[in-house]
Amino acid sequence: MERTEIIDKIKNIIISTVKHENFVMKDEMSAADVDGWDSLTHMIIITEIEKIFQIKFKLKELNKLNNLGNLIELIDSKILQK
């Protein structure tokens, strides 16, 4: 799967979860940079990502994430492992 496809899917999940119309996604963004992204929406976003990409995250993998770029890389690596 191309990186742009991963980005588009993540962006759609975030938009539908935090209800942002004009959301611009950047690799260096973290949850703290997005209005409405709190601990509950974080769980929803991660669950939706696992469902859409048919992958499972380990807690230690999630704890190492610093930004959306790291999340994209992790998803890409998990897709390649399938």
C-alpha atoms as a PDB file:
ATOM      1  CA  MET A   1       0.000   0.000   0.000  1.00  0.00           C
ATOM      2  CA  GLU A   2       1.271   3.421  -0.929  1.00  0.00           C
ATOM      3  CA  ARG A   3       2.071   5.961   1.791  1.00  0.00           C
ATOM      4  CA  THR A   4      -0.484   8.366   0.324  1.00  0.00           C
ATOM      5  CA  GLU A   5      -3.226   5.731   0.710  1.00  0.00           C
ATOM      6  CA  ILE A   6      -2.266   5.214   4.354  1.00  0.00           C
ATOM      7  CA  ILE A   7      -2.308   8.977   4.952  1.00  0.00           C
ATOM      8  CA  ASP A   8      -5.724   9.385   3.296  1.00  0.00           C
ATOM      9  CA  LYS A   9      -7.252   6.610   5.391  1.00  0.00           C
ATOM     10  CA  ILE A  10      -5.785   7.955   8.648  1.00  0.00           C
ATOM     11  CA  LYS A  11      -6.924  11.475   7.762  1.00  0.00           C
ATOM     12  CA  ASN A  12     -10.484  10.272   7.132  1.00  0.00           C
ATOM     13  CA  ILE A  13     -10.528   8.414  10.455  1.00  0.00           C
ATOM     14  CA  ILE A  14      -9.296  11.490  12.340  1.00  0.00           C
ATOM     15  CA  ILE A  15     -11.748  13.817  10.571  1.00  0.00           C
ATOM     16  CA  SER A  16     -14.724  11.589  11.331  1.00  0.00           C
ATOM     17  CA  THR A  17     -13.644  11.057  14.954  1.00  0.00           C
ATOM     18  CA  VAL A  18     -12.729  14.596  16.006  1.00  0.00           C
ATOM     19  CA  LYS A  19     -15.196  16.272  13.611  1.00  0.00           C
ATOM     20  CA  HIS A  20     -12.789  18.626  11.831  1.00  0.00           C
ATOM     21  CA  GLU A  21     -13.823  19.909   8.417  1.00  0.00           C
ATOM     22  CA  ASN A  22     -10.515  21.472   7.320  1.00  0.00           C
ATOM     23  CA  PHE A  23      -8.026  19.098   8.922  1.00  0.00           C
ATOM     24  CA  VAL A  24      -4.519  19.297   7.454  1.00  0.00           C
ATOM     25  CA  MET A  25      -2.377  16.343   8.434  1.00  0.00           C
ATOM     26  CA  LYS A  26       1.389  16.698   8.861  1.00  0.00           C
ATOM     27  CA  ASP A  27       3.957  14.077   9.863  1.00  0.00           C
ATOM     28  CA  GLU A  28       5.175  16.125  12.833  1.00  0.00           C
ATOM     29  CA  MET A  29       1.674  16.534  14.333  1.00  0.00           C
ATOM     30  CA  SER A  30       0.803  14.862  17.605  1.00  0.00           C
ATOM     31  CA  ALA A  31      -2.519  14.404  19.380  1.00  0.00           C
ATOM     32  CA  ALA A  32      -1.817  17.556  21.387  1.00  0.00           C
ATOM     33  CA  ASP A  33      -1.847  19.570  18.143  1.00  0.00           C
ATOM     34  CA  VAL A  34      -5.399  18.533  17.211  1.00  0.00           C
ATOM     35  CA  ASP A  35      -8.413  20.111  18.908  1.00  0.00           C
ATOM     36  CA  GLY A  36     -10.724  17.421  20.246  1.00  0.00           C
ATOM     37  CA  TRP A  37      -8.106  14.649  20.271  1.00  0.00           C
ATOM     38  CA  ASP A  38      -8.250  13.458  23.849  1.00  0.00           C
ATOM     39  CA  SER A  39      -7.733  10.054  25.467  1.00  0.00           C
ATOM     40  CA  LEU A  40     -11.157   8.761  24.408  1.00  0.00           C
ATOM     41  CA  THR A  41     -10.853   9.870  20.794  1.00  0.00           C
ATOM     42  CA  HIS A  42      -7.315   8.453  20.778  1.00  0.00           C
ATOM     43  CA  MET A  43      -8.686   4.991  21.620  1.00  0.00           C
ATOM     44  CA  ILE A  44     -11.355   5.338  18.925  1.00  0.00           C
ATOM     45  CA  ILE A  45      -8.794   6.421  16.312  1.00  0.00           C
ATOM     46  CA  ILE A  46      -6.441   3.535  17.123  1.00  0.00           C
ATOM     47  CA  THR A  47      -9.305   1.019  17.082  1.00  0.00           C
ATOM     48  CA  GLU A  48     -10.531   2.321  13.718  1.00  0.00           C
ATOM     49  CA  ILE A  49      -7.002   2.184  12.277  1.00  0.00           C
ATOM     50  CA  GLU A  50      -6.658  -1.440  13.405  1.00  0.00           C
ATOM     51  CA  LYS A  51     -10.011  -2.279  11.808  1.00  0.00           C
ATOM     52  CA  ILE A  52      -9.433  -0.458   8.504  1.00  0.00           C
ATOM     53  CA  PHE A  53      -5.879  -1.743   7.994  1.00  0.00           C
ATOM     54  CA  GLN A  54      -6.597  -5.173   9.549  1.00  0.00           C
ATOM     55  CA  ILE A  55      -3.624  -4.915  11.912  1.00  0.00           C
ATOM     56  CA  LYS A  56      -3.078  -5.038  15.674  1.00  0.00           C
ATOM     57  CA  PHE A  57      -0.836  -2.747  17.685  1.00  0.00           C
ATOM     58  CA  LYS A  58       1.096  -3.765  20.771  1.00  0.00           C
ATOM     59  CA  LEU A  59       0.962  -1.371  23.703  1.00  0.00           C
ATOM     60  CA  LYS A  60       4.736  -0.841  23.617  1.00  0.00           C
ATOM     61  CA  GLU A  61       4.501   0.138  19.932  1.00  0.00           C
ATOM     62  CA  LEU A  62       1.843   2.743  20.690  1.00  0.00           C
ATOM     63  CA  ASN A  63       3.844   4.103  23.619  1.00  0.00           C
ATOM     64  CA  LYS A  64       6.814   4.770  21.315  1.00  0.00           C
ATOM     65  CA  LEU A  65       4.798   6.923  18.889  1.00  0.00           C
ATOM     66  CA  ASN A  66       5.650  10.629  18.980  1.00  0.00           C
ATOM     67  CA  ASN A  67       3.696  11.926  15.998  1.00  0.00           C
ATOM     68  CA  LEU A  68       1.603  11.010  12.970  1.00  0.00           C
ATOM     69  CA  GLY A  69       4.713  10.313  10.885  1.00  0.00           C
ATOM     70  CA  ASN A  70       5.706   7.593  13.348  1.00  0.00           C
ATOM     71  CA  LEU A  71       2.172   6.174  13.184  1.00  0.00           C
ATOM     72  CA  ILE A  72       2.289   6.041   9.377  1.00  0.00           C
ATOM     73  CA  GLU A  73       5.647   4.235   9.485  1.00  0.00           C
ATOM     74  CA  LEU A  74       4.322   1.726  12.026  1.00  0.00           C
ATOM     75  CA  ILE A  75       1.222   1.008   9.944  1.00  0.00           C
ATOM     76  CA  ASP A  76       3.351   0.588   6.821  1.00  0.00           C
ATOM     77  CA  SER A  77       5.670  -1.866   8.585  1.00  0.00           C
ATOM     78  CA  LYS A  78       2.707  -3.894   9.890  1.00  0.00           C
ATOM     79  CA  ILE A  79       1.141  -4.060   6.432  1.00  0.00           C
ATOM     80  CA  LEU A  80       4.430  -5.317   4.989  1.00  0.00           C
ATOM     81  CA  GLN A  81       4.589  -8.030   7.685  1.00  0.00           C
ATOM     82  CA  LYS A  82       1.231  -9.475   6.623  1.00  0.00           C
END
